[in-house]
Amino acid sequence: RLGAARVFILAGGHLLRQTDEIRRIEVALGSRHAASHT
């Protein structure tokens, strides 16, 4: 909706490293996902 092409995810460390929640979001974003950081 926002026309974003370079989505930057800032996530809690536990969510990023020990769950699949962030990966699920990255997959849903597809090519719009630019990077994830904790």
PDB file of all heavy atoms in Angstrom:
ATOM      1  N   ARG A   1       0.828  -1.217   0.000  1.00  0.00           N
ATOM      2  CA  ARG A   1       0.000   0.000   0.000  1.00  0.00           C
ATOM      3  C   ARG A   1       0.855   1.256   0.000  1.00  0.00           C
ATOM      4  O   ARG A   1       0.523   2.245  -0.660  1.00  0.00           O
ATOM      5  CB  ARG A   1      -0.921  -0.011   1.222  1.00  0.00           C
ATOM      6  CG  ARG A   1      -1.870   1.182   1.319  1.00  0.00           C
ATOM      7  CD  ARG A   1      -2.752   1.070   2.550  1.00  0.00           C
ATOM      8  NE  ARG A   1      -2.039   1.333   3.786  1.00  0.00           N
ATOM      9  CZ  ARG A   1      -1.869   2.533   4.322  1.00  0.00           C
ATOM     10  NH1 ARG A   1      -2.368   3.614   3.706  1.00  0.00           N
ATOM     11  NH2 ARG A   1      -1.228   2.683   5.455  1.00  0.00           N
ATOM     12  N   LEU A   2       1.962   1.206   0.730  1.00  0.00           N
ATOM     13  CA  LEU A   2       2.838   2.370   0.845  1.00  0.00           C
ATOM     14  C   LEU A   2       3.847   2.475  -0.294  1.00  0.00           C
ATOM     15  O   LEU A   2       4.598   3.450  -0.368  1.00  0.00           O
ATOM     16  CB  LEU A   2       3.585   2.315   2.188  1.00  0.00           C
ATOM     17  CG  LEU A   2       2.695   2.436   3.443  1.00  0.00           C
ATOM     18  CD1 LEU A   2       3.472   2.051   4.687  1.00  0.00           C
ATOM     19  CD2 LEU A   2       2.117   3.835   3.566  1.00  0.00           C
ATOM     20  N   GLY A   3       3.884   1.472  -1.144  1.00  0.00           N
ATOM     21  CA  GLY A   3       4.823   1.499  -2.271  1.00  0.00           C
ATOM     22  C   GLY A   3       6.270   1.324  -1.852  1.00  0.00           C
ATOM     23  O   GLY A   3       7.183   1.803  -2.529  1.00  0.00           O
ATOM     24  N   ALA A   4       6.498   0.614  -0.735  1.00  0.00           N
ATOM     25  CA  ALA A   4       7.856   0.431  -0.234  1.00  0.00           C
ATOM     26  C   ALA A   4       8.578  -0.668  -1.009  1.00  0.00           C
ATOM     27  O   ALA A   4       8.010  -1.736  -1.266  1.00  0.00           O
ATOM     28  CB  ALA A   4       7.825   0.079   1.246  1.00  0.00           C
ATOM     29  N   ALA A   5       9.833  -0.409  -1.346  1.00  0.00           N
ATOM     30  CA  ALA A   5      10.640  -1.383  -2.080  1.00  0.00           C
ATOM     31  C   ALA A   5      11.838  -1.867  -1.276  1.00  0.00           C
ATOM     32  O   ALA A   5      12.479  -2.861  -1.655  1.00  0.00           O
ATOM     33  CB  ALA A   5      11.122  -0.779  -3.396  1.00  0.00           C
ATOM     34  N   ARG A   6      12.188  -1.172  -0.157  1.00  0.00           N
ATOM     35  CA  ARG A   6      13.375  -1.508   0.630  1.00  0.00           C
ATOM     36  C   ARG A   6      12.987  -1.499   2.118  1.00  0.00           C
ATOM     37  O   ARG A   6      13.240  -0.540   2.843  1.00  0.00           O
ATOM     38  CB  ARG A   6      14.510  -0.504   0.373  1.00  0.00           C
ATOM     39  CG  ARG A   6      14.851  -0.277  -1.100  1.00  0.00           C
ATOM     40  CD  ARG A   6      15.614  -1.444  -1.681  1.00  0.00           C
ATOM     41  NE  ARG A   6      16.905  -1.622  -1.019  1.00  0.00           N
ATOM     42  CZ  ARG A   6      17.646  -2.723  -1.172  1.00  0.00           C
ATOM     43  NH1 ARG A   6      17.207  -3.733  -1.906  1.00  0.00           N
ATOM     44  NH2 ARG A   6      18.816  -2.802  -0.573  1.00  0.00           N
ATOM     45  N   VAL A   7      12.365  -2.583   2.560  1.00  0.00           N
ATOM     46  CA  VAL A   7      11.827  -2.653   3.923  1.00  0.00           C
ATOM     47  C   VAL A   7      12.920  -3.124   4.882  1.00  0.00           C
ATOM     48  O   VAL A   7      13.520  -4.191   4.699  1.00  0.00           O
ATOM     49  CB  VAL A   7      10.621  -3.596   3.991  1.00  0.00           C
ATOM     50  CG1 VAL A   7      10.072  -3.639   5.427  1.00  0.00           C
ATOM     51  CG2 VAL A   7       9.539  -3.139   3.017  1.00  0.00           C
ATOM     52  N   PHE A   8      13.145  -2.323   5.911  1.00  0.00           N
ATOM     53  CA  PHE A   8      14.153  -2.619   6.938  1.00  0.00           C
ATOM     54  C   PHE A   8      13.433  -3.055   8.195  1.00  0.00           C
ATOM     55  O   PHE A   8      12.603  -2.316   8.742  1.00  0.00           O
ATOM     56  CB  PHE A   8      15.000  -1.376   7.211  1.00  0.00           C
ATOM     57  CG  PHE A   8      16.035  -1.539   8.287  1.00  0.00           C
ATOM     58  CD1 PHE A   8      17.243  -2.157   8.019  1.00  0.00           C
ATOM     59  CD2 PHE A   8      15.810  -1.056   9.571  1.00  0.00           C
ATOM     60  CE1 PHE A   8      18.215  -2.305   9.007  1.00  0.00           C
ATOM     61  CE2 PHE A   8      16.773  -1.190  10.563  1.00  0.00           C
ATOM     62  CZ  PHE A   8      17.981  -1.813  10.279  1.00  0.00           C
ATOM     63  N   ILE A   9      13.734  -4.274   8.668  1.00  0.00           N
ATOM     64  CA  ILE A   9      13.110  -4.817   9.877  1.00  0.00           C
ATOM     65  C   ILE A   9      14.059  -4.655  11.061  1.00  0.00           C
ATOM     66  O   ILE A   9      15.219  -5.079  10.998  1.00  0.00           O
ATOM     67  CB  ILE A   9      12.757  -6.308   9.693  1.00  0.00           C
ATOM     68  CG1 ILE A   9      11.697  -6.472   8.599  1.00  0.00           C
ATOM     69  CG2 ILE A   9      12.269  -6.909  11.006  1.00  0.00           C
ATOM     70  CD1 ILE A   9      11.392  -7.930   8.274  1.00  0.00           C
ATOM     71  N   LEU A  10      13.555  -4.037  12.126  1.00  0.00           N
ATOM     72  CA  LEU A  10      14.279  -3.961  13.395  1.00  0.00           C
ATOM     73  C   LEU A  10      13.537  -4.849  14.372  1.00  0.00           C
ATOM     74  O   LEU A  10      12.350  -4.609  14.659  1.00  0.00           O
ATOM     75  CB  LEU A  10      14.335  -2.528  13.912  1.00  0.00           C
ATOM     76  CG  LEU A  10      15.160  -2.320  15.185  1.00  0.00           C
ATOM     77  CD1 LEU A  10      16.636  -2.575  14.924  1.00  0.00           C
ATOM     78  CD2 LEU A  10      14.962  -0.906  15.738  1.00  0.00           C
ATOM     79  N   ALA A  11      14.203  -5.896  14.862  1.00  0.00           N
ATOM     80  CA  ALA A  11      13.507  -6.910  15.647  1.00  0.00           C
ATOM     81  C   ALA A  11      14.212  -7.186  16.959  1.00  0.00           C
ATOM     82  O   ALA A  11      15.427  -6.978  17.104  1.00  0.00           O
ATOM     83  CB  ALA A  11      13.394  -8.209  14.844  1.00  0.00           C
ATOM     84  N   GLY A  12      13.450  -7.698  17.912  1.00  0.00           N
ATOM     85  CA  GLY A  12      14.039  -8.193  19.140  1.00  0.00           C
ATOM     86  C   GLY A  12      14.897  -9.417  18.854  1.00  0.00           C
ATOM     87  O   GLY A  12      14.581 -10.223  17.972  1.00  0.00           O
ATOM     88  N   GLY A  13      15.981  -9.560  19.611  1.00  0.00           N
ATOM     89  CA  GLY A  13      16.931 -10.628  19.350  1.00  0.00           C
ATOM     90  C   GLY A  13      16.334 -12.019  19.477  1.00  0.00           C
ATOM     91  O   GLY A  13      16.616 -12.904  18.664  1.00  0.00           O
ATOM     92  N   HIS A  14      15.500 -12.244  20.486  1.00  0.00           N
ATOM     93  CA  HIS A  14      14.893 -13.565  20.676  1.00  0.00           C
ATOM     94  C   HIS A  14      14.000 -13.922  19.491  1.00  0.00           C
ATOM     95  O   HIS A  14      14.059 -15.052  18.977  1.00  0.00           O
ATOM     96  CB  HIS A  14      14.084 -13.589  21.968  1.00  0.00           C
ATOM     97  CG  HIS A  14      13.366 -14.884  22.210  1.00  0.00           C
ATOM     98  ND1 HIS A  14      14.003 -15.995  22.703  1.00  0.00           N
ATOM     99  CD2 HIS A  14      12.065 -15.241  21.996  1.00  0.00           C
ATOM    100  CE1 HIS A  14      13.120 -17.000  22.793  1.00  0.00           C
ATOM    101  NE2 HIS A  14      11.955 -16.557  22.377  1.00  0.00           N
ATOM    102  N   LEU A  15      13.191 -12.981  19.049  1.00  0.00           N
ATOM    103  CA  LEU A  15      12.306 -13.239  17.912  1.00  0.00           C
ATOM    104  C   LEU A  15      13.097 -13.572  16.657  1.00  0.00           C
ATOM    105  O   LEU A  15      12.731 -14.469  15.891  1.00  0.00           O
ATOM    106  CB  LEU A  15      11.412 -12.021  17.646  1.00  0.00           C
ATOM    107  CG  LEU A  15      10.219 -11.798  18.562  1.00  0.00           C
ATOM    108  CD1 LEU A  15       9.530 -10.491  18.197  1.00  0.00           C
ATOM    109  CD2 LEU A  15       9.230 -12.952  18.476  1.00  0.00           C
ATOM    110  N   LEU A  16      14.180 -12.858  16.431  1.00  0.00           N
ATOM    111  CA  LEU A  16      14.955 -13.035  15.208  1.00  0.00           C
ATOM    112  C   LEU A  16      15.733 -14.349  15.208  1.00  0.00           C
ATOM    113  O   LEU A  16      15.796 -15.053  14.193  1.00  0.00           O
ATOM    114  CB  LEU A  16      15.911 -11.861  15.022  1.00  0.00           C
ATOM    115  CG  LEU A  16      16.722 -11.844  13.722  1.00  0.00           C
ATOM    116  CD1 LEU A  16      15.811 -11.738  12.511  1.00  0.00           C
ATOM    117  CD2 LEU A  16      17.718 -10.694  13.726  1.00  0.00           C
ATOM    118  N   ARG A  17      16.308 -14.696  16.353  1.00  0.00           N
ATOM    119  CA  ARG A  17      17.224 -15.837  16.382  1.00  0.00           C
ATOM    120  C   ARG A  17      16.577 -17.147  16.822  1.00  0.00           C
ATOM    121  O   ARG A  17      17.052 -18.218  16.462  1.00  0.00           O
ATOM    122  CB  ARG A  17      18.406 -15.521  17.322  1.00  0.00           C
ATOM    123  CG  ARG A  17      19.332 -14.421  16.803  1.00  0.00           C
ATOM    124  CD  ARG A  17      20.573 -14.293  17.687  1.00  0.00           C
ATOM    125  NE  ARG A  17      20.240 -13.793  19.020  1.00  0.00           N
ATOM    126  CZ  ARG A  17      20.315 -12.507  19.380  1.00  0.00           C
ATOM    127  NH1 ARG A  17      20.707 -11.601  18.496  1.00  0.00           N
ATOM    128  NH2 ARG A  17      20.005 -12.132  20.597  1.00  0.00           N
ATOM    129  N   GLN A  18      15.491 -17.078  17.608  1.00  0.00           N
ATOM    130  CA  GLN A  18      14.972 -18.298  18.211  1.00  0.00           C
ATOM    131  C   GLN A  18      13.532 -18.618  17.858  1.00  0.00           C
ATOM    132  O   GLN A  18      12.954 -19.564  18.412  1.00  0.00           O
ATOM    133  CB  GLN A  18      15.135 -18.205  19.735  1.00  0.00           C
ATOM    134  CG  GLN A  18      16.596 -18.041  20.170  1.00  0.00           C
ATOM    135  CD  GLN A  18      16.757 -18.018  21.669  1.00  0.00           C
ATOM    136  OE1 GLN A  18      16.126 -18.805  22.383  1.00  0.00           O
ATOM    137  NE2 GLN A  18      17.598 -17.128  22.178  1.00  0.00           N
ATOM    138  N   THR A  19      12.916 -17.843  16.977  1.00  0.00           N
ATOM    139  CA  THR A  19      11.579 -18.160  16.489  1.00  0.00           C
ATOM    140  C   THR A  19      11.575 -18.007  14.971  1.00  0.00           C
ATOM    141  O   THR A  19      12.522 -17.484  14.380  1.00  0.00           O
ATOM    142  CB  THR A  19      10.500 -17.229  17.087  1.00  0.00           C
ATOM    143  OG1 THR A  19      10.517 -15.964  16.389  1.00  0.00           O
ATOM    144  CG2 THR A  19      10.732 -16.975  18.576  1.00  0.00           C
ATOM    145  N   ASP A  20      10.489 -18.432  14.351  1.00  0.00           N
ATOM    146  CA  ASP A  20      10.370 -18.264  12.900  1.00  0.00           C
ATOM    147  C   ASP A  20       9.496 -17.075  12.529  1.00  0.00           C
ATOM    148  O   ASP A  20       9.127 -16.902  11.366  1.00  0.00           O
ATOM    149  CB  ASP A  20       9.818 -19.539  12.264  1.00  0.00           C
ATOM    150  CG  ASP A  20       8.418 -19.900  12.757  1.00  0.00           C
ATOM    151  OD1 ASP A  20       7.889 -19.182  13.655  1.00  0.00           O
ATOM    152  OD2 ASP A  20       7.849 -20.887  12.269  1.00  0.00           O
ATOM    153  N   GLU A  21       9.161 -16.232  13.533  1.00  0.00           N
ATOM    154  CA  GLU A  21       8.251 -15.112  13.277  1.00  0.00           C
ATOM    155  C   GLU A  21       8.837 -14.109  12.277  1.00  0.00           C
ATOM    156  O   GLU A  21       8.150 -13.659  11.358  1.00  0.00           O
ATOM    157  CB  GLU A  21       7.908 -14.398  14.591  1.00  0.00           C
ATOM    158  CG  GLU A  21       7.194 -15.254  15.612  1.00  0.00           C
ATOM    159  CD  GLU A  21       5.764 -15.597  15.231  1.00  0.00           C
ATOM    160  OE1 GLU A  21       5.272 -15.062  14.214  1.00  0.00           O
ATOM    161  OE2 GLU A  21       5.150 -16.402  15.947  1.00  0.00           O
ATOM    162  N   ILE A  22      10.102 -13.748  12.443  1.00  0.00           N
ATOM    163  CA  ILE A  22      10.697 -12.746  11.550  1.00  0.00           C
ATOM    164  C   ILE A  22      10.887 -13.341  10.157  1.00  0.00           C
ATOM    165  O   ILE A  22      10.644 -12.660   9.143  1.00  0.00           O
ATOM    166  CB  ILE A  22      12.034 -12.236  12.118  1.00  0.00           C
ATOM    167  CG1 ILE A  22      11.836 -11.707  13.548  1.00  0.00           C
ATOM    168  CG2 ILE A  22      12.613 -11.144  11.214  1.00  0.00           C
ATOM    169  CD1 ILE A  22      10.770 -10.647  13.691  1.00  0.00           C
ATOM    170  N   ARG A  23      11.308 -14.594  10.106  1.00  0.00           N
ATOM    171  CA  ARG A  23      11.463 -15.242   8.804  1.00  0.00           C
ATOM    172  C   ARG A  23      10.138 -15.289   8.059  1.00  0.00           C
ATOM    173  O   ARG A  23      10.086 -15.079   6.838  1.00  0.00           O
ATOM    174  CB  ARG A  23      12.025 -16.660   9.006  1.00  0.00           C
ATOM    175  CG  ARG A  23      12.198 -17.446   7.702  1.00  0.00           C
ATOM    176  CD  ARG A  23      13.141 -16.736   6.756  1.00  0.00           C
ATOM    177  NE  ARG A  23      13.264 -17.450   5.488  1.00  0.00           N
ATOM    178  CZ  ARG A  23      13.666 -16.892   4.366  1.00  0.00           C
ATOM    179  NH1 ARG A  23      14.001 -15.609   4.327  1.00  0.00           N
ATOM    180  NH2 ARG A  23      13.758 -17.604   3.265  1.00  0.00           N
ATOM    181  N   ARG A  24       9.056 -15.531   8.764  1.00  0.00           N
ATOM    182  CA  ARG A  24       7.733 -15.561   8.129  1.00  0.00           C
ATOM    183  C   ARG A  24       7.399 -14.198   7.519  1.00  0.00           C
ATOM    184  O   ARG A  24       6.829 -14.112   6.425  1.00  0.00           O
ATOM    185  CB  ARG A  24       6.688 -15.963   9.181  1.00  0.00           C
ATOM    186  CG  ARG A  24       5.314 -16.252   8.618  1.00  0.00           C
ATOM    187  CD  ARG A  24       4.366 -16.716   9.711  1.00  0.00           C
ATOM    188  NE  ARG A  24       4.780 -17.997  10.255  1.00  0.00           N
ATOM    189  CZ  ARG A  24       4.996 -18.242  11.537  1.00  0.00           C
ATOM    190  NH1 ARG A  24       4.847 -17.273  12.426  1.00  0.00           N
ATOM    191  NH2 ARG A  24       5.337 -19.435  11.954  1.00  0.00           N
ATOM    192  N   ILE A  25       7.757 -13.144   8.211  1.00  0.00           N
ATOM    193  CA  ILE A  25       7.500 -11.793   7.697  1.00  0.00           C
ATOM    194  C   ILE A  25       8.398 -11.497   6.498  1.00  0.00           C
ATOM    195  O   ILE A  25       7.956 -10.915   5.500  1.00  0.00           O
ATOM    196  CB  ILE A  25       7.699 -10.762   8.827  1.00  0.00           C
ATOM    197  CG1 ILE A  25       6.616 -10.956   9.894  1.00  0.00           C
ATOM    198  CG2 ILE A  25       7.678  -9.332   8.283  1.00  0.00           C
ATOM    199  CD1 ILE A  25       6.883 -10.234  11.187  1.00  0.00           C
ATOM    200  N   GLU A  26       9.657 -11.921   6.583  1.00  0.00           N
ATOM    201  CA  GLU A  26      10.572 -11.714   5.450  1.00  0.00           C
ATOM    202  C   GLU A  26      10.047 -12.407   4.201  1.00  0.00           C
ATOM    203  O   GLU A  26      10.088 -11.846   3.093  1.00  0.00           O
ATOM    204  CB  GLU A  26      11.959 -12.253   5.812  1.00  0.00           C
ATOM    205  CG  GLU A  26      12.656 -11.470   6.912  1.00  0.00           C
ATOM    206  CD  GLU A  26      13.921 -12.143   7.400  1.00  0.00           C
ATOM    207  OE1 GLU A  26      14.142 -13.323   7.047  1.00  0.00           O
ATOM    208  OE2 GLU A  26      14.694 -11.499   8.141  1.00  0.00           O
ATOM    209  N   VAL A  27       9.554 -13.621   4.368  1.00  0.00           N
ATOM    210  CA  VAL A  27       9.017 -14.367   3.219  1.00  0.00           C
ATOM    211  C   VAL A  27       7.786 -13.657   2.651  1.00  0.00           C
ATOM    212  O   VAL A  27       7.621 -13.546   1.430  1.00  0.00           O
ATOM    213  CB  VAL A  27       8.686 -15.813   3.630  1.00  0.00           C
ATOM    214  CG1 VAL A  27       7.890 -16.522   2.528  1.00  0.00           C
ATOM    215  CG2 VAL A  27       9.962 -16.587   3.940  1.00  0.00           C
ATOM    216  N   ALA A  28       6.920 -13.171   3.527  1.00  0.00           N
ATOM    217  CA  ALA A  28       5.717 -12.472   3.064  1.00  0.00           C
ATOM    218  C   ALA A  28       6.074 -11.206   2.288  1.00  0.00           C
ATOM    219  O   ALA A  28       5.408 -10.855   1.313  1.00  0.00           O
ATOM    220  CB  ALA A  28       4.823 -12.131   4.257  1.00  0.00           C
ATOM    221  N   LEU A  29       7.146 -10.531   2.699  1.00  0.00           N
ATOM    222  CA  LEU A  29       7.587  -9.318   1.993  1.00  0.00           C
ATOM    223  C   LEU A  29       8.231  -9.641   0.649  1.00  0.00           C
ATOM    224  O   LEU A  29       8.183  -8.828  -0.279  1.00  0.00           O
ATOM    225  CB  LEU A  29       8.573  -8.535   2.864  1.00  0.00           C
ATOM    226  CG  LEU A  29       7.997  -7.762   4.041  1.00  0.00           C
ATOM    227  CD1 LEU A  29       9.113  -7.276   4.958  1.00  0.00           C
ATOM    228  CD2 LEU A  29       7.157  -6.577   3.545  1.00  0.00           C
ATOM    229  N   GLY A  30       8.855 -10.799   0.552  1.00  0.00           N
ATOM    230  CA  GLY A  30       9.498 -11.179  -0.702  1.00  0.00           C
ATOM    231  C   GLY A  30      10.604 -10.214  -1.087  1.00  0.00           C
ATOM    232  O   GLY A  30      11.457  -9.850  -0.270  1.00  0.00           O
ATOM    233  N   SER A  31      10.579  -9.755  -2.338  1.00  0.00           N
ATOM    234  CA  SER A  31      11.649  -8.883  -2.845  1.00  0.00           C
ATOM    235  C   SER A  31      11.650  -7.511  -2.192  1.00  0.00           C
ATOM    236  O   SER A  31      12.622  -6.752  -2.341  1.00  0.00           O
ATOM    237  CB  SER A  31      11.505  -8.723  -4.363  1.00  0.00           C
ATOM    238  OG  SER A  31      10.273  -8.099  -4.690  1.00  0.00           O
ATOM    239  N   ARG A  32      10.598  -7.170  -1.459  1.00  0.00           N
ATOM    240  CA  ARG A  32      10.554  -5.871  -0.778  1.00  0.00           C
ATOM    241  C   ARG A  32      11.441  -5.860   0.473  1.00  0.00           C
ATOM    242  O   ARG A  32      11.750  -4.799   1.004  1.00  0.00           O
ATOM    243  CB  ARG A  32       9.113  -5.507  -0.370  1.00  0.00           C
ATOM    244  CG  ARG A  32       8.157  -5.340  -1.536  1.00  0.00           C
ATOM    245  CD  ARG A  32       6.749  -5.019  -1.031  1.00  0.00           C
ATOM    246  NE  ARG A  32       5.764  -5.095  -2.083  1.00  0.00           N
ATOM    247  CZ  ARG A  32       5.431  -4.093  -2.881  1.00  0.00           C
ATOM    248  NH1 ARG A  32       6.014  -2.916  -2.714  1.00  0.00           N
ATOM    249  NH2 ARG A  32       4.522  -4.244  -3.813  1.00  0.00           N
ATOM    250  N   HIS A  33      11.828  -7.026   0.962  1.00  0.00           N
ATOM    251  CA  HIS A  33      12.641  -7.102   2.173  1.00  0.00           C
ATOM    252  C   HIS A  33      14.081  -6.741   1.856  1.00  0.00           C
ATOM    253  O   HIS A  33      14.718  -7.366   1.010  1.00  0.00           O
ATOM    254  CB  HIS A  33      12.568  -8.498   2.779  1.00  0.00           C
ATOM    255  CG  HIS A  33      13.466  -8.682   3.952  1.00  0.00           C
ATOM    256  ND1 HIS A  33      14.539  -9.552   3.963  1.00  0.00           N
ATOM    257  CD2 HIS A  33      13.469  -8.077   5.177  1.00  0.00           C
ATOM    258  CE1 HIS A  33      15.142  -9.496   5.124  1.00  0.00           C
ATOM    259  NE2 HIS A  33      14.521  -8.609   5.889  1.00  0.00           N
ATOM    260  N   ALA A  34      14.619  -5.732   2.569  1.00  0.00           N
ATOM    261  CA  ALA A  34      15.997  -5.280   2.327  1.00  0.00           C
ATOM    262  C   ALA A  34      16.967  -5.835   3.364  1.00  0.00           C
ATOM    263  O   ALA A  34      18.075  -6.248   3.019  1.00  0.00           O
ATOM    264  CB  ALA A  34      16.054  -3.754   2.326  1.00  0.00           C
ATOM    265  N   ALA A  35      16.589  -5.832   4.642  1.00  0.00           N
ATOM    266  CA  ALA A  35      17.490  -6.308   5.688  1.00  0.00           C
ATOM    267  C   ALA A  35      16.719  -6.440   6.990  1.00  0.00           C
ATOM    268  O   ALA A  35      15.679  -5.794   7.193  1.00  0.00           O
ATOM    269  CB  ALA A  35      18.661  -5.333   5.871  1.00  0.00           C
ATOM    270  N   SER A  36      17.264  -7.279   7.880  1.00  0.00           N
ATOM    271  CA  SER A  36      16.743  -7.399   9.242  1.00  0.00           C
ATOM    272  C   SER A  36      17.897  -7.161  10.207  1.00  0.00           C
ATOM    273  O   SER A  36      19.023  -7.615   9.975  1.00  0.00           O
ATOM    274  CB  SER A  36      16.137  -8.783   9.478  1.00  0.00           C
ATOM    275  OG  SER A  36      15.008  -8.986   8.652  1.00  0.00           O
ATOM    276  N   HIS A  37      17.610  -6.466  11.293  1.00  0.00           N
ATOM    277  CA  HIS A  37      18.658  -6.046  12.228  1.00  0.00           C
ATOM    278  C   HIS A  37      18.150  -6.234  13.647  1.00  0.00           C
ATOM    279  O   HIS A  37      16.953  -6.090  13.926  1.00  0.00           O
ATOM    280  CB  HIS A  37      18.999  -4.570  11.974  1.00  0.00           C
ATOM    281  CG  HIS A  37      20.103  -4.037  12.837  1.00  0.00           C
ATOM    282  ND1 HIS A  37      21.435  -4.191  12.532  1.00  0.00           N
ATOM    283  CD2 HIS A  37      20.073  -3.342  14.013  1.00  0.00           C
ATOM    284  CE1 HIS A  37      22.186  -3.610  13.455  1.00  0.00           C
ATOM    285  NE2 HIS A  37      21.380  -3.087  14.367  1.00  0.00           N
ATOM    286  N   THR A  38      19.058  -6.541  14.571  1.00  0.00           N
ATOM    287  CA  THR A  38      18.725  -6.636  15.986  1.00  0.00           C
ATOM    288  C   THR A  38      19.844  -5.952  16.774  1.00  0.00           C
ATOM    289  O   THR A  38      20.677  -5.257  16.204  1.00  0.00           O
ATOM    290  CB  THR A  38      18.538  -8.109  16.411  1.00  0.00           C
ATOM    291  OG1 THR A  38      18.036  -8.148  17.751  1.00  0.00           O
ATOM    292  CG2 THR A  38      19.827  -8.898  16.305  1.00  0.00           C
TER     293      THR A  38
END
